[in-house]
């Protein structure tokens, strides 16, 4: 029998944790998440968690190593405080791109992170839009893999005007974009990008002329992929270009790059806490995944099925 439900968070995305807790008519539980004078992570749990069902929300986003260690130390603290079950809610799973050995003598860091979370004492992982499905197999604990693309899908459905076409920015994104387009009942196009003789080759496969182009991607890091895709769409005669992305890392000068591109709007989720530059950007808008996470937390706590939430667009 599970004890009462409690939600904790570390420092990566406290605003998202507060939204999730509010939707469950709760408050985020009290804990100190700070640093000692030498920079070591300092965690103190300020509430009783003995025998309780505990959820810890923390994205492994930049600063990646700091946020990962905070999560690991928080899990260890909860384990030593006798929590009954520790569920880690990781909206963005850092190191997820290193999920295979594409060349000799390189690590599979996504597996290393899975081993660390398990060894620390996590009983379950709840995450959103992993870079690849195979990461679930790296864990020896249950993994609930949710799709924030569902949230983006509903947002775009409400903004349809007619004449839209979904564009996949690369071959890896085709399955996700195809499912997205099918469910919206719009056409699909693909960006063919490669270098020939040192020169970049950019070509949109599909008819985007005089149409509203919607680029779909799982992660926006430096923004170069979206910039390139938007440029290719405009050269092919698109009327307008906008983008949807799940995880808005927006590293380096990504915000300025996107603002200087052909994109009119970039819609992202709050799986990663926005920087001040992103919040003040004229083209970046955000939709929240808090309702998705709150419903997942509720169902997990009450041992209800999550199958209705696994209609993944990928």
C-alpha atoms as a PDB file:
ATOM      1  CA  UNK A   1       0.000   0.000   0.000  1.00  0.00           C
ATOM      2  CA  UNK A   2       1.539   3.286  -1.110  1.00  0.00           C
ATOM      3  CA  UNK A   3       1.697   6.136   1.358  1.00  0.00           C
ATOM      4  CA  UNK A   4       0.713   9.754   0.671  1.00  0.00           C
ATOM      5  CA  UNK A   5       1.997  11.537  -2.440  1.00  0.00           C
ATOM      6  CA  UNK A   6       4.713  14.177  -2.262  1.00  0.00           C
ATOM      7  CA  UNK A   7       6.407  16.178  -5.023  1.00  0.00           C
ATOM      8  CA  UNK A   8       9.946  17.548  -4.731  1.00  0.00           C
ATOM      9  CA  UNK A   9      12.057  19.437  -7.234  1.00  0.00           C
ATOM     10  CA  UNK A  10      15.650  20.486  -7.696  1.00  0.00           C
ATOM     11  CA  UNK A  11      16.856  23.668  -9.390  1.00  0.00           C
ATOM     12  CA  UNK A  12      16.519  22.934 -13.113  1.00  0.00           C
ATOM     13  CA  UNK A  13      12.836  23.831 -13.546  1.00  0.00           C
ATOM     14  CA  UNK A  14      11.053  24.806 -10.293  1.00  0.00           C
ATOM     15  CA  UNK A  15       8.322  26.724 -12.129  1.00  0.00           C
ATOM     16  CA  UNK A  16       7.227  23.561 -13.964  1.00  0.00           C
ATOM     17  CA  UNK A  17       7.208  21.630 -10.675  1.00  0.00           C
ATOM     18  CA  UNK A  18       4.973  24.282  -9.109  1.00  0.00           C
ATOM     19  CA  UNK A  19       2.566  24.079 -12.045  1.00  0.00           C
ATOM     20  CA  UNK A  20       2.365  20.293 -11.770  1.00  0.00           C
ATOM     21  CA  UNK A  21       1.797  20.438  -8.019  1.00  0.00           C
ATOM     22  CA  UNK A  22      -0.874  23.127  -8.408  1.00  0.00           C
ATOM     23  CA  UNK A  23      -2.805  20.999 -10.907  1.00  0.00           C
ATOM     24  CA  UNK A  24      -2.819  18.231  -8.291  1.00  0.00           C
ATOM     25  CA  UNK A  25      -4.003  20.685  -5.583  1.00  0.00           C
ATOM     26  CA  UNK A  26      -0.673  20.368  -3.812  1.00  0.00           C
ATOM     27  CA  UNK A  27       2.440  22.375  -3.084  1.00  0.00           C
ATOM     28  CA  UNK A  28       6.017  21.388  -3.830  1.00  0.00           C
ATOM     29  CA  UNK A  29       7.464  19.786  -0.701  1.00  0.00           C
ATOM     30  CA  UNK A  30      10.182  21.564   1.222  1.00  0.00           C
ATOM     31  CA  UNK A  31      13.841  20.735   0.705  1.00  0.00           C
ATOM     32  CA  UNK A  32      17.144  22.553   0.612  1.00  0.00           C
ATOM     33  CA  UNK A  33      18.898  22.190  -2.732  1.00  0.00           C
ATOM     34  CA  UNK A  34      22.056  24.244  -2.628  1.00  0.00           C
ATOM     35  CA  UNK A  35      25.836  24.146  -2.487  1.00  0.00           C
ATOM     36  CA  UNK A  36      28.495  23.913   0.172  1.00  0.00           C
ATOM     37  CA  UNK A  37      31.219  26.551   0.151  1.00  0.00           C
ATOM     38  CA  UNK A  38      33.439  24.353  -2.031  1.00  0.00           C
ATOM     39  CA  UNK A  39      30.707  23.856  -4.638  1.00  0.00           C
ATOM     40  CA  UNK A  40      29.551  20.376  -3.623  1.00  0.00           C
ATOM     41  CA  UNK A  41      25.808  19.707  -3.894  1.00  0.00           C
ATOM     42  CA  UNK A  42      23.959  20.076  -0.599  1.00  0.00           C
ATOM     43  CA  UNK A  43      20.545  18.436  -0.130  1.00  0.00           C
ATOM     44  CA  UNK A  44      18.352  18.411   2.979  1.00  0.00           C
ATOM     45  CA  UNK A  45      14.796  17.029   3.027  1.00  0.00           C
ATOM     46  CA  UNK A  46      12.694  19.205   5.331  1.00  0.00           C
ATOM     47  CA  UNK A  47       9.575  17.017   5.470  1.00  0.00           C
ATOM     48  CA  UNK A  48       8.796  13.490   6.606  1.00  0.00           C
ATOM     49  CA  UNK A  49       8.745  11.074   3.643  1.00  0.00           C
ATOM     50  CA  UNK A  50       8.823   7.734   5.484  1.00  0.00           C
ATOM     51  CA  UNK A  51       6.665   5.204   3.613  1.00  0.00           C
ATOM     52  CA  UNK A  52       5.509   7.789   1.066  1.00  0.00           C
ATOM     53  CA  UNK A  53       5.196   7.825  -2.737  1.00  0.00           C
ATOM     54  CA  UNK A  54       7.654  10.530  -3.784  1.00  0.00           C
ATOM     55  CA  UNK A  55       8.101  12.229  -7.159  1.00  0.00           C
ATOM     56  CA  UNK A  56      11.214  14.309  -7.945  1.00  0.00           C
ATOM     57  CA  UNK A  57      11.055  16.642 -10.950  1.00  0.00           C
ATOM     58  CA  UNK A  58      14.370  17.607 -12.536  1.00  0.00           C
ATOM     59  CA  UNK A  59      15.396  18.065 -16.165  1.00  0.00           C
ATOM     60  CA  UNK A  60      18.968  17.057 -16.996  1.00  0.00           C
ATOM     61  CA  UNK A  61      19.410  20.279 -18.946  1.00  0.00           C
ATOM     62  CA  UNK A  62      22.248  22.830 -18.954  1.00  0.00           C
ATOM     63  CA  UNK A  63      24.157  23.056 -16.686  1.00  0.00           C
ATOM     64  CA  UNK A  64      23.845  19.334 -17.364  1.00  0.00           C
ATOM     65  CA  UNK A  65      26.336  17.936 -14.853  1.00  0.00           C
ATOM     66  CA  UNK A  66      25.095  20.139 -12.007  1.00  0.00           C
ATOM     67  CA  UNK A  67      21.475  19.189 -12.619  1.00  0.00           C
ATOM     68  CA  UNK A  68      22.284  15.494 -12.946  1.00  0.00           C
ATOM     69  CA  UNK A  69      24.226  15.431  -9.674  1.00  0.00           C
ATOM     70  CA  UNK A  70      21.463  17.346  -7.858  1.00  0.00           C
ATOM     71  CA  UNK A  71      18.990  14.681  -8.965  1.00  0.00           C
ATOM     72  CA  UNK A  72      21.228  11.804  -7.894  1.00  0.00           C
ATOM     73  CA  UNK A  73      21.899  13.299  -4.459  1.00  0.00           C
ATOM     74  CA  UNK A  74      18.197  14.114  -3.974  1.00  0.00           C
ATOM     75  CA  UNK A  75      17.254  10.503  -4.763  1.00  0.00           C
ATOM     76  CA  UNK A  76      19.858   9.218  -2.315  1.00  0.00           C
ATOM     77  CA  UNK A  77      18.565  11.564   0.407  1.00  0.00           C
ATOM     78  CA  UNK A  78      14.988  10.367  -0.115  1.00  0.00           C
ATOM     79  CA  UNK A  79      16.093   6.723  -0.068  1.00  0.00           C
ATOM     80  CA  UNK A  80      17.915   7.248   3.233  1.00  0.00           C
ATOM     81  CA  UNK A  81      14.831   9.054   4.582  1.00  0.00           C
ATOM     82  CA  UNK A  82      12.847   5.808   3.992  1.00  0.00           C
ATOM     83  CA  UNK A  83      10.594   6.930   1.135  1.00  0.00           C
ATOM     84  CA  UNK A  84       8.528   3.955  -0.038  1.00  0.00           C
ATOM     85  CA  UNK A  85       8.885   4.654  -3.770  1.00  0.00           C
ATOM     86  CA  UNK A  86      11.016   7.260  -5.544  1.00  0.00           C
ATOM     87  CA  UNK A  87       9.787   8.283  -9.003  1.00  0.00           C
ATOM     88  CA  UNK A  88      12.135  10.547 -10.953  1.00  0.00           C
ATOM     89  CA  UNK A  89      10.350  12.822 -13.423  1.00  0.00           C
ATOM     90  CA  UNK A  90      12.896  13.928 -16.026  1.00  0.00           C
ATOM     91  CA  UNK A  91      11.161  16.039 -18.702  1.00  0.00           C
ATOM     92  CA  UNK A  92      14.432  16.369 -20.627  1.00  0.00           C
ATOM     93  CA  UNK A  93      16.833  13.411 -20.435  1.00  0.00           C
ATOM     94  CA  UNK A  94      20.343  14.806 -20.846  1.00  0.00           C
ATOM     95  CA  UNK A  95      23.068  12.761 -22.529  1.00  0.00           C
ATOM     96  CA  UNK A  96      20.310  11.069 -24.529  1.00  0.00           C
ATOM     97  CA  UNK A  97      22.037  11.728 -27.850  1.00  0.00           C
ATOM     98  CA  UNK A  98      24.939   9.446 -26.899  1.00  0.00           C
ATOM     99  CA  UNK A  99      22.838   6.283 -27.118  1.00  0.00           C
ATOM    100  CA  UNK A 100      25.019   4.055 -29.299  1.00  0.00           C
ATOM    101  CA  UNK A 101      28.607   3.455 -30.408  1.00  0.00           C
ATOM    102  CA  UNK A 102      28.711   5.077 -33.808  1.00  0.00           C
ATOM    103  CA  UNK A 103      32.514   4.788 -33.847  1.00  0.00           C
ATOM    104  CA  UNK A 104      35.190   2.977 -31.796  1.00  0.00           C
ATOM    105  CA  UNK A 105      36.259   4.018 -28.300  1.00  0.00           C
ATOM    106  CA  UNK A 106      33.291   6.225 -27.405  1.00  0.00           C
ATOM    107  CA  UNK A 107      30.932   5.840 -24.425  1.00  0.00           C
ATOM    108  CA  UNK A 108      27.206   5.152 -24.406  1.00  0.00           C
ATOM    109  CA  UNK A 109      26.511   7.937 -21.936  1.00  0.00           C
ATOM    110  CA  UNK A 110      22.737   7.521 -22.012  1.00  0.00           C
ATOM    111  CA  UNK A 111      23.333   4.095 -20.429  1.00  0.00           C
ATOM    112  CA  UNK A 112      25.725   5.566 -17.853  1.00  0.00           C
ATOM    113  CA  UNK A 113      23.016   8.014 -16.708  1.00  0.00           C
ATOM    114  CA  UNK A 114      20.476   5.175 -16.526  1.00  0.00           C
ATOM    115  CA  UNK A 115      22.854   3.155 -14.325  1.00  0.00           C
ATOM    116  CA  UNK A 116      23.512   6.151 -12.060  1.00  0.00           C
ATOM    117  CA  UNK A 117      19.807   6.844 -11.497  1.00  0.00           C
ATOM    118  CA  UNK A 118      19.122   3.196 -10.743  1.00  0.00           C
ATOM    119  CA  UNK A 119      22.103   2.873  -8.398  1.00  0.00           C
ATOM    120  CA  UNK A 120      21.080   6.047  -6.541  1.00  0.00           C
ATOM    121  CA  UNK A 121      17.757   4.426  -5.677  1.00  0.00           C
ATOM    122  CA  UNK A 122      15.181   5.514  -8.240  1.00  0.00           C
ATOM    123  CA  UNK A 123      12.260   3.095  -8.592  1.00  0.00           C
ATOM    124  CA  UNK A 124      10.719   4.556 -11.777  1.00  0.00           C
ATOM    125  CA  UNK A 125      11.573   7.020 -14.536  1.00  0.00           C
ATOM    126  CA  UNK A 126       8.987   9.315 -16.101  1.00  0.00           C
ATOM    127  CA  UNK A 127      10.362  11.161 -19.108  1.00  0.00           C
ATOM    128  CA  UNK A 128       9.282  12.960 -22.258  1.00  0.00           C
ATOM    129  CA  UNK A 129      10.318  12.439 -25.885  1.00  0.00           C
ATOM    130  CA  UNK A 130      13.599  10.613 -25.482  1.00  0.00           C
ATOM    131  CA  UNK A 131      16.077  11.148 -28.287  1.00  0.00           C
ATOM    132  CA  UNK A 132      15.643   7.464 -29.154  1.00  0.00           C
ATOM    133  CA  UNK A 133      13.263   4.761 -27.946  1.00  0.00           C
ATOM    134  CA  UNK A 134      16.098   2.331 -27.178  1.00  0.00           C
ATOM    135  CA  UNK A 135      17.126   4.346 -24.093  1.00  0.00           C
ATOM    136  CA  UNK A 136      14.201   2.750 -22.245  1.00  0.00           C
ATOM    137  CA  UNK A 137      16.035  -0.571 -22.509  1.00  0.00           C
ATOM    138  CA  UNK A 138      19.026   0.827 -20.613  1.00  0.00           C
ATOM    139  CA  UNK A 139      16.988   0.852 -17.380  1.00  0.00           C
ATOM    140  CA  UNK A 140      16.297  -2.027 -15.000  1.00  0.00           C
ATOM    141  CA  UNK A 141      13.347  -0.097 -13.550  1.00  0.00           C
ATOM    142  CA  UNK A 142       9.988   0.832 -15.159  1.00  0.00           C
ATOM    143  CA  UNK A 143      10.118   3.700 -17.660  1.00  0.00           C
ATOM    144  CA  UNK A 144       7.045   5.743 -18.575  1.00  0.00           C
ATOM    145  CA  UNK A 145       7.836   7.486 -21.857  1.00  0.00           C
ATOM    146  CA  UNK A 146       5.357  10.298 -22.515  1.00  0.00           C
ATOM    147  CA  UNK A 147       4.993  12.456 -25.600  1.00  0.00           C
ATOM    148  CA  UNK A 148       4.926  16.249 -25.407  1.00  0.00           C
ATOM    149  CA  UNK A 149       4.317  16.150 -29.145  1.00  0.00           C
ATOM    150  CA  UNK A 150       0.698  15.534 -28.129  1.00  0.00           C
ATOM    151  CA  UNK A 151       0.669  18.973 -26.500  1.00  0.00           C
ATOM    152  CA  UNK A 152       2.184  20.587 -29.606  1.00  0.00           C
ATOM    153  CA  UNK A 153      -0.288  18.746 -31.820  1.00  0.00           C
ATOM    154  CA  UNK A 154      -3.267  20.144 -29.932  1.00  0.00           C
ATOM    155  CA  UNK A 155      -1.797  23.655 -30.009  1.00  0.00           C
ATOM    156  CA  UNK A 156      -1.272  23.573 -33.779  1.00  0.00           C
ATOM    157  CA  UNK A 157      -4.714  22.036 -34.354  1.00  0.00           C
ATOM    158  CA  UNK A 158      -6.247  25.124 -32.768  1.00  0.00           C
ATOM    159  CA  UNK A 159      -4.137  27.393 -35.006  1.00  0.00           C
ATOM    160  CA  UNK A 160      -4.804  25.693 -38.353  1.00  0.00           C
ATOM    161  CA  UNK A 161      -5.840  28.098 -41.116  1.00  0.00           C
ATOM    162  CA  UNK A 162      -5.672  25.776 -44.121  1.00  0.00           C
ATOM    163  CA  UNK A 163      -2.801  25.223 -46.547  1.00  0.00           C
ATOM    164  CA  UNK A 164      -0.360  23.887 -43.937  1.00  0.00           C
ATOM    165  CA  UNK A 165       2.357  21.352 -44.684  1.00  0.00           C
ATOM    166  CA  UNK A 166       4.569  19.646 -42.077  1.00  0.00           C
ATOM    167  CA  UNK A 167       8.294  19.439 -42.845  1.00  0.00           C
ATOM    168  CA  UNK A 168      10.706  16.960 -41.250  1.00  0.00           C
ATOM    169  CA  UNK A 169      14.130  18.629 -40.865  1.00  0.00           C
ATOM    170  CA  UNK A 170      16.043  15.370 -41.378  1.00  0.00           C
ATOM    171  CA  UNK A 171      15.553  11.676 -42.077  1.00  0.00           C
ATOM    172  CA  UNK A 172      15.437  10.756 -38.381  1.00  0.00           C
ATOM    173  CA  UNK A 173      12.474  13.054 -37.847  1.00  0.00           C
ATOM    174  CA  UNK A 174      10.361  11.622 -40.682  1.00  0.00           C
ATOM    175  CA  UNK A 175       8.337   9.084 -38.622  1.00  0.00           C
ATOM    176  CA  UNK A 176       7.413  11.713 -36.041  1.00  0.00           C
ATOM    177  CA  UNK A 177       6.558  14.319 -38.684  1.00  0.00           C
ATOM    178  CA  UNK A 178       4.561  11.804 -40.747  1.00  0.00           C
ATOM    179  CA  UNK A 179       2.408  10.835 -37.761  1.00  0.00           C
ATOM    180  CA  UNK A 180       1.991  14.520 -36.876  1.00  0.00           C
ATOM    181  CA  UNK A 181       0.870  15.343 -40.432  1.00  0.00           C
ATOM    182  CA  UNK A 182      -1.453  12.333 -40.660  1.00  0.00           C
ATOM    183  CA  UNK A 183      -3.272  13.266 -37.492  1.00  0.00           C
ATOM    184  CA  UNK A 184      -3.682  16.856 -38.662  1.00  0.00           C
ATOM    185  CA  UNK A 185      -4.687  15.617 -42.133  1.00  0.00           C
ATOM    186  CA  UNK A 186      -2.071  17.782 -43.857  1.00  0.00           C
ATOM    187  CA  UNK A 187       0.749  17.000 -46.298  1.00  0.00           C
ATOM    188  CA  UNK A 188       4.323  16.055 -45.442  1.00  0.00           C
ATOM    189  CA  UNK A 189       7.628  17.238 -46.893  1.00  0.00           C
ATOM    190  CA  UNK A 190      11.239  16.399 -46.003  1.00  0.00           C
ATOM    191  CA  UNK A 191      14.442  18.432 -46.030  1.00  0.00           C
ATOM    192  CA  UNK A 192      17.247  16.772 -47.954  1.00  0.00           C
ATOM    193  CA  UNK A 193      20.478  18.274 -46.631  1.00  0.00           C
ATOM    194  CA  UNK A 194      23.979  17.064 -47.368  1.00  0.00           C
ATOM    195  CA  UNK A 195      27.384  18.336 -48.392  1.00  0.00           C
ATOM    196  CA  UNK A 196      28.620  17.618 -51.911  1.00  0.00           C
ATOM    197  CA  UNK A 197      32.195  18.573 -52.641  1.00  0.00           C
ATOM    198  CA  UNK A 198      32.305  20.696 -49.502  1.00  0.00           C
ATOM    199  CA  UNK A 199      29.267  22.746 -50.531  1.00  0.00           C
ATOM    200  CA  UNK A 200      25.932  22.344 -48.699  1.00  0.00           C
ATOM    201  CA  UNK A 201      23.008  20.938 -50.668  1.00  0.00           C
ATOM    202  CA  UNK A 202      19.556  21.959 -49.393  1.00  0.00           C
ATOM    203  CA  UNK A 203      16.408  20.725 -51.090  1.00  0.00           C
ATOM    204  CA  UNK A 204      12.815  20.361 -49.886  1.00  0.00           C
ATOM    205  CA  UNK A 205      11.279  17.094 -51.092  1.00  0.00           C
ATOM    206  CA  UNK A 206       7.615  18.000 -51.439  1.00  0.00           C
ATOM    207  CA  UNK A 207       5.526  20.922 -52.639  1.00  0.00           C
ATOM    208  CA  UNK A 208       5.667  23.856 -50.209  1.00  0.00           C
ATOM    209  CA  UNK A 209       5.044  26.638 -52.720  1.00  0.00           C
ATOM    210  CA  UNK A 210       2.666  29.303 -51.362  1.00  0.00           C
ATOM    211  CA  UNK A 211       1.975  27.205 -48.276  1.00  0.00           C
ATOM    212  CA  UNK A 212       2.351  27.654 -44.514  1.00  0.00           C
ATOM    213  CA  UNK A 213       5.282  25.420 -43.550  1.00  0.00           C
ATOM    214  CA  UNK A 214       5.423  23.901 -40.060  1.00  0.00           C
ATOM    215  CA  UNK A 215       8.765  22.331 -39.101  1.00  0.00           C
ATOM    216  CA  UNK A 216       8.604  19.685 -36.361  1.00  0.00           C
ATOM    217  CA  UNK A 217      11.666  18.720 -34.295  1.00  0.00           C
ATOM    218  CA  UNK A 218      12.192  16.992 -30.952  1.00  0.00           C
ATOM    219  CA  UNK A 219      15.014  19.249 -29.756  1.00  0.00           C
ATOM    220  CA  UNK A 220      16.176  22.782 -30.543  1.00  0.00           C
ATOM    221  CA  UNK A 221      19.799  23.156 -29.493  1.00  0.00           C
ATOM    222  CA  UNK A 222      21.847  25.642 -31.531  1.00  0.00           C
ATOM    223  CA  UNK A 223      18.984  26.372 -33.936  1.00  0.00           C
ATOM    224  CA  UNK A 224      21.069  25.610 -37.023  1.00  0.00           C
ATOM    225  CA  UNK A 225      18.773  22.790 -38.191  1.00  0.00           C
ATOM    226  CA  UNK A 226      15.664  24.988 -38.021  1.00  0.00           C
ATOM    227  CA  UNK A 227      17.476  27.900 -39.680  1.00  0.00           C
ATOM    228  CA  UNK A 228      18.599  25.644 -42.547  1.00  0.00           C
ATOM    229  CA  UNK A 229      15.158  24.080 -42.974  1.00  0.00           C
ATOM    230  CA  UNK A 230      13.399  27.443 -42.933  1.00  0.00           C
ATOM    231  CA  UNK A 231      15.804  28.793 -45.546  1.00  0.00           C
ATOM    232  CA  UNK A 232      15.201  25.781 -47.779  1.00  0.00           C
ATOM    233  CA  UNK A 233      11.429  26.175 -47.455  1.00  0.00           C
ATOM    234  CA  UNK A 234      11.503  29.863 -48.347  1.00  0.00           C
ATOM    235  CA  UNK A 235      13.738  29.192 -51.347  1.00  0.00           C
ATOM    236  CA  UNK A 236      11.153  26.627 -52.464  1.00  0.00           C
ATOM    237  CA  UNK A 237       8.431  29.298 -52.376  1.00  0.00           C
ATOM    238  CA  UNK A 238       6.801  28.834 -48.974  1.00  0.00           C
ATOM    239  CA  UNK A 239       4.403  31.572 -47.914  1.00  0.00           C
ATOM    240  CA  UNK A 240       5.546  31.405 -44.289  1.00  0.00           C
ATOM    241  CA  UNK A 241       7.599  29.145 -42.035  1.00  0.00           C
ATOM    242  CA  UNK A 242       7.216  28.355 -38.351  1.00  0.00           C
ATOM    243  CA  UNK A 243       8.556  25.617 -36.088  1.00  0.00           C
ATOM    244  CA  UNK A 244       7.474  23.365 -33.253  1.00  0.00           C
ATOM    245  CA  UNK A 245      10.007  21.776 -30.901  1.00  0.00           C
ATOM    246  CA  UNK A 246       9.688  19.801 -27.680  1.00  0.00           C
ATOM    247  CA  UNK A 247      12.938  20.522 -25.826  1.00  0.00           C
ATOM    248  CA  UNK A 248      14.159  24.117 -26.157  1.00  0.00           C
ATOM    249  CA  UNK A 249      17.799  23.943 -25.036  1.00  0.00           C
ATOM    250  CA  UNK A 250      18.615  27.057 -27.099  1.00  0.00           C
ATOM    251  CA  UNK A 251      22.348  26.937 -26.384  1.00  0.00           C
ATOM    252  CA  UNK A 252      25.035  29.316 -27.595  1.00  0.00           C
ATOM    253  CA  UNK A 253      23.406  32.091 -29.678  1.00  0.00           C
ATOM    254  CA  UNK A 254      20.387  30.018 -30.730  1.00  0.00           C
ATOM    255  CA  UNK A 255      17.790  32.681 -29.884  1.00  0.00           C
ATOM    256  CA  UNK A 256      19.515  35.312 -32.024  1.00  0.00           C
ATOM    257  CA  UNK A 257      19.968  32.785 -34.815  1.00  0.00           C
ATOM    258  CA  UNK A 258      16.250  31.938 -34.824  1.00  0.00           C
ATOM    259  CA  UNK A 259      15.249  35.596 -34.707  1.00  0.00           C
ATOM    260  CA  UNK A 260      17.493  36.295 -37.682  1.00  0.00           C
ATOM    261  CA  UNK A 261      16.098  33.386 -39.700  1.00  0.00           C
ATOM    262  CA  UNK A 262      13.043  33.082 -41.936  1.00  0.00           C
ATOM    263  CA  UNK A 263      10.955  31.687 -39.061  1.00  0.00           C
ATOM    264  CA  UNK A 264       7.944  33.707 -37.973  1.00  0.00           C
ATOM    265  CA  UNK A 265       7.122  31.714 -34.820  1.00  0.00           C
ATOM    266  CA  UNK A 266       8.894  29.008 -32.815  1.00  0.00           C
ATOM    267  CA  UNK A 267       6.628  27.124 -30.396  1.00  0.00           C
ATOM    268  CA  UNK A 268       8.285  25.063 -27.660  1.00  0.00           C
ATOM    269  CA  UNK A 269       7.343  23.361 -24.395  1.00  0.00           C
ATOM    270  CA  UNK A 270       8.552  24.190 -20.893  1.00  0.00           C
ATOM    271  CA  UNK A 271      10.368  20.848 -20.455  1.00  0.00           C
ATOM    272  CA  UNK A 272      13.489  23.016 -20.120  1.00  0.00           C
ATOM    273  CA  UNK A 273      13.299  26.254 -18.137  1.00  0.00           C
ATOM    274  CA  UNK A 274      13.565  29.216 -20.557  1.00  0.00           C
ATOM    275  CA  UNK A 275      16.436  31.662 -20.366  1.00  0.00           C
ATOM    276  CA  UNK A 276      15.751  35.372 -19.960  1.00  0.00           C
ATOM    277  CA  UNK A 277      16.679  35.843 -23.632  1.00  0.00           C
ATOM    278  CA  UNK A 278      14.163  33.203 -24.726  1.00  0.00           C
ATOM    279  CA  UNK A 279      11.406  34.667 -22.544  1.00  0.00           C
ATOM    280  CA  UNK A 280      11.878  38.100 -24.092  1.00  0.00           C
ATOM    281  CA  UNK A 281      12.191  36.812 -27.661  1.00  0.00           C
ATOM    282  CA  UNK A 282       9.725  38.180 -30.203  1.00  0.00           C
ATOM    283  CA  UNK A 283       9.230  34.830 -31.956  1.00  0.00           C
ATOM    284  CA  UNK A 284       9.467  32.161 -29.236  1.00  0.00           C
ATOM    285  CA  UNK A 285       6.236  31.087 -27.575  1.00  0.00           C
ATOM    286  CA  UNK A 286       5.740  28.317 -25.030  1.00  0.00           C
ATOM    287  CA  UNK A 287       3.043  25.768 -24.231  1.00  0.00           C
ATOM    288  CA  UNK A 288       3.131  23.906 -20.933  1.00  0.00           C
ATOM    289  CA  UNK A 289       3.527  20.172 -20.398  1.00  0.00           C
ATOM    290  CA  UNK A 290       2.383  20.539 -16.770  1.00  0.00           C
ATOM    291  CA  UNK A 291      -1.091  19.025 -17.416  1.00  0.00           C
ATOM    292  CA  UNK A 292       0.527  16.012 -19.113  1.00  0.00           C
ATOM    293  CA  UNK A 293       2.922  15.446 -16.221  1.00  0.00           C
ATOM    294  CA  UNK A 294       0.276  16.047 -13.560  1.00  0.00           C
ATOM    295  CA  UNK A 295      -2.004  13.427 -15.093  1.00  0.00           C
ATOM    296  CA  UNK A 296       0.894  10.965 -15.329  1.00  0.00           C
ATOM    297  CA  UNK A 297       1.802  11.534 -11.679  1.00  0.00           C
ATOM    298  CA  UNK A 298      -1.818  11.054 -10.600  1.00  0.00           C
ATOM    299  CA  UNK A 299      -2.197   7.815 -12.579  1.00  0.00           C
ATOM    300  CA  UNK A 300       1.096   6.381 -11.353  1.00  0.00           C
ATOM    301  CA  UNK A 301       0.297   7.175  -7.725  1.00  0.00           C
ATOM    302  CA  UNK A 302      -3.117   5.535  -7.902  1.00  0.00           C
ATOM    303  CA  UNK A 303      -1.760   2.597  -9.938  1.00  0.00           C
ATOM    304  CA  UNK A 304      -3.959   3.438 -12.928  1.00  0.00           C
ATOM    305  CA  UNK A 305      -3.195   2.656 -16.568  1.00  0.00           C
ATOM    306  CA  UNK A 306      -1.041   5.055 -18.561  1.00  0.00           C
ATOM    307  CA  UNK A 307      -1.835   3.430 -21.904  1.00  0.00           C
ATOM    308  CA  UNK A 308      -4.057   6.304 -23.021  1.00  0.00           C
ATOM    309  CA  UNK A 309      -1.052   8.615 -22.664  1.00  0.00           C
ATOM    310  CA  UNK A 310       1.244   6.455 -24.795  1.00  0.00           C
ATOM    311  CA  UNK A 311      -0.155   7.480 -28.204  1.00  0.00           C
ATOM    312  CA  UNK A 312       3.335   8.555 -29.153  1.00  0.00           C
ATOM    313  CA  UNK A 313       4.045  10.566 -32.251  1.00  0.00           C
ATOM    314  CA  UNK A 314       7.262   8.838 -33.316  1.00  0.00           C
END
